Amino acid sequence: MEKAIIGHVPAVITTNFSIGVAIFQQLVRESARLLKDYDIEVIEAHHRNKLDAPSGTAKTILQIIEEEAGTREKMYGREGMKKRENEIGVHVIRGGDIVGDHKVMYSKNFETIELSHRAYDRSVFASGAVMAARWVVGKKPGIYGMNDVLDLKKI
């Protein structure tokens, strides 16, 4: 795909076109940088018919956390008797008509910080895609993301 784009056309490519998710991901980036010595859990939920697990957005969240807090083993779900290590817990929920919920928990003794984004309607993805389509017109050939569209700088 990159071969077809780079040097030929401008394109906005992202795992999620929601404006709120782009801002949420910036907050995750900053919090992961500041809270790297906390236990980290990523929880995501979608409708019962979603096939990929974890979602592309959850994978992007995990990538952001690792960029800021360092690479850690992923623990997909929890079962049995095992001491918590320096991993990132990843939990996937599929049920009903949930449009998209993503949460990151940072926990340490005596406190927990949670960041979350919840989409109530798929129109948030469409409006972000329309904004991206309008923004990309006239740009130099290359791959852009929602951070470019929203002029969000990597903090």
Protein backbone atom coordinates (compact mmCIF):
# COMPACT_ATOMS: atom_id res chain seq x y z
CA MET A 1 0.00 0.00 0.00
CA GLU A 2 2.77 2.45 0.93
CA LYS A 3 4.37 1.94 -2.49
CA ALA A 4 1.16 3.04 -4.18
CA ILE A 5 0.91 6.19 -2.04
CA ILE A 6 4.38 7.54 -1.27
CA GLY A 7 5.52 9.87 -4.02
CA HIS A 8 2.18 9.61 -5.82
CA VAL A 9 -0.77 10.82 -3.76
CA PRO A 10 -1.54 12.24 -0.32
CA ALA A 11 -3.55 9.92 1.95
CA VAL A 12 -4.78 9.97 5.52
CA ILE A 13 -4.41 6.49 7.00
CA THR A 14 -5.47 5.70 10.54
CA THR A 15 -7.01 2.92 12.59
CA ASN A 16 -9.77 5.29 13.71
CA PHE A 17 -11.11 8.50 12.14
CA SER A 18 -12.86 9.75 15.29
CA ILE A 19 -11.62 13.19 16.33
CA GLY A 20 -12.17 12.21 19.96
CA VAL A 21 -10.00 9.10 19.57
CA ALA A 22 -7.17 11.19 18.09
CA ILE A 23 -7.28 13.47 21.14
CA PHE A 24 -7.64 10.45 23.46
CA GLN A 25 -4.51 8.94 21.91
CA GLN A 26 -2.59 12.16 22.62
CA LEU A 27 -3.67 11.93 26.27
CA VAL A 28 -2.62 8.26 26.37
CA ARG A 29 0.78 9.26 24.95
CA GLU A 30 1.36 11.90 27.63
CA SER A 31 0.05 9.74 30.48
CA ALA A 32 2.16 6.73 29.42
CA ARG A 33 5.24 8.97 29.40
CA LEU A 34 4.45 10.27 32.89
CA LEU A 35 3.20 7.00 34.41
CA LYS A 36 5.64 4.43 33.02
CA ASP A 37 6.19 2.85 36.44
CA TYR A 38 2.46 2.15 36.89
CA ASP A 39 0.67 -1.09 36.03
CA ILE A 40 -1.09 -0.57 32.70
CA GLU A 41 -4.27 -2.21 31.42
CA VAL A 42 -6.02 -1.63 28.08
CA ILE A 43 -9.72 -2.51 27.83
CA GLU A 44 -11.76 -2.28 24.65
CA ALA A 45 -15.33 -3.20 23.80
CA HIS A 46 -17.22 -3.41 20.50
CA HIS A 47 -20.42 -4.90 19.09
CA ARG A 48 -20.90 -8.64 18.92
CA ASN A 49 -20.17 -8.84 15.17
CA LYS A 50 -16.71 -7.24 15.25
CA LEU A 51 -14.21 -9.84 14.10
CA ASP A 52 -10.77 -8.46 15.00
CA ALA A 53 -9.65 -8.66 18.59
CA PRO A 54 -8.06 -6.56 19.83
CA SER A 55 -9.30 -3.81 17.54
CA GLY A 56 -6.99 -1.74 15.36
CA THR A 57 -7.55 1.20 17.67
CA ALA A 58 -6.53 -0.87 20.70
CA LYS A 59 -3.39 -2.00 18.85
CA THR A 60 -2.57 1.65 18.12
CA ILE A 61 -3.07 2.48 21.81
CA LEU A 62 -0.68 -0.34 22.75
CA GLN A 63 1.89 0.96 20.27
CA ILE A 64 1.65 4.48 21.71
CA ILE A 65 2.06 3.15 25.27
CA GLU A 66 5.14 1.16 24.27
CA GLU A 67 6.67 4.16 22.49
CA GLU A 68 6.41 6.17 25.71
CA ALA A 69 6.65 3.61 28.53
CA GLY A 70 8.85 0.96 26.91
CA THR A 71 8.20 -2.45 25.43
CA ARG A 72 6.35 -4.87 27.67
CA GLU A 73 4.88 -8.32 27.26
CA LYS A 74 1.14 -8.30 26.51
CA MET A 75 -1.12 -10.36 28.76
CA TYR A 76 -4.31 -11.07 26.80
CA GLY A 77 -6.96 -11.67 29.44
CA ARG A 78 -6.13 -13.23 32.78
CA GLU A 79 -6.72 -16.71 34.03
CA GLY A 80 -5.21 -18.95 36.64
CA MET A 81 -2.68 -18.17 39.31
CA LYS A 82 0.12 -15.93 38.09
CA LYS A 83 1.92 -13.03 39.72
CA ARG A 84 1.63 -9.78 37.85
CA GLU A 85 4.85 -8.85 36.09
CA ASN A 86 5.76 -5.75 34.08
CA GLU A 87 3.20 -6.49 31.35
CA ILE A 88 0.35 -4.61 29.75
CA GLY A 89 -2.97 -6.32 30.33
CA VAL A 90 -5.20 -6.37 27.25
CA HIS A 91 -8.90 -7.13 27.64
CA VAL A 92 -11.38 -7.49 24.80
CA ILE A 93 -15.18 -7.42 25.13
CA ARG A 94 -17.61 -8.23 22.32
CA GLY A 95 -21.33 -7.85 22.88
CA GLY A 96 -24.58 -6.25 21.84
CA ASP A 97 -24.40 -3.09 19.76
CA ILE A 98 -21.43 -1.37 21.48
CA VAL A 99 -20.04 1.08 18.90
CA GLY A 100 -16.58 1.42 20.42
CA ASP A 101 -15.19 1.83 23.94
CA HIS A 102 -11.51 2.15 24.76
CA LYS A 103 -9.99 2.59 28.21
CA VAL A 104 -6.47 2.72 29.61
CA MET A 105 -5.94 2.21 33.34
CA TYR A 106 -2.75 3.19 35.13
CA SER A 107 -2.64 1.69 38.63
CA LYS A 108 -0.23 1.92 41.50
CA ASN A 109 -0.68 1.26 45.19
CA PHE A 110 -3.47 3.47 46.54
CA GLU A 111 -4.44 5.12 43.24
CA THR A 112 -5.69 4.50 39.71
CA ILE A 113 -5.91 6.88 36.77
CA GLU A 114 -8.29 6.00 33.94
CA LEU A 115 -8.60 7.54 30.49
CA SER A 116 -11.45 6.50 28.23
CA HIS A 117 -13.23 7.23 24.99
CA ARG A 118 -16.69 5.99 24.10
CA ALA A 119 -18.32 6.32 20.69
CA TYR A 120 -22.10 6.28 20.86
CA ASP A 121 -22.73 6.51 17.11
CA ARG A 122 -20.72 5.56 14.04
CA SER A 123 -21.25 9.05 12.65
CA VAL A 124 -18.19 10.20 14.64
CA PHE A 125 -16.02 8.10 12.33
CA ALA A 126 -17.71 9.49 9.23
CA SER A 127 -17.35 13.12 10.32
CA GLY A 128 -13.65 12.58 11.05
CA ALA A 129 -13.18 10.90 7.66
CA VAL A 130 -14.89 13.83 5.90
CA MET A 131 -12.65 16.27 7.79
CA ALA A 132 -9.59 14.23 6.77
CA ALA A 133 -10.72 14.10 3.12
CA ARG A 134 -11.15 17.88 3.02
CA TRP A 135 -7.81 18.46 4.75
CA VAL A 136 -5.74 16.19 2.49
CA VAL A 137 -6.74 17.97 -0.74
CA GLY A 138 -3.69 19.74 -2.17
CA LYS A 139 -1.20 18.19 0.28
CA LYS A 140 2.12 16.79 -0.90
CA PRO A 141 2.11 13.05 -1.69
CA GLY A 142 2.63 10.98 1.45
CA ILE A 143 0.93 9.23 4.32
CA TYR A 144 -0.69 11.42 6.97
CA GLY A 145 -2.58 10.63 10.17
CA MET A 146 -5.33 12.28 12.19
CA ASN A 147 -2.67 14.10 14.23
CA ASP A 148 -1.73 15.90 11.00
CA VAL A 149 -5.37 16.63 10.18
CA LEU A 150 -5.99 18.08 13.65
CA ASP A 151 -2.55 19.69 13.89
CA LEU A 152 -1.77 17.72 17.06
CA LYS A 153 1.91 17.68 17.84
CA LYS A 154 3.55 14.63 19.39
CA ILE A 155 3.96 15.67 23.03
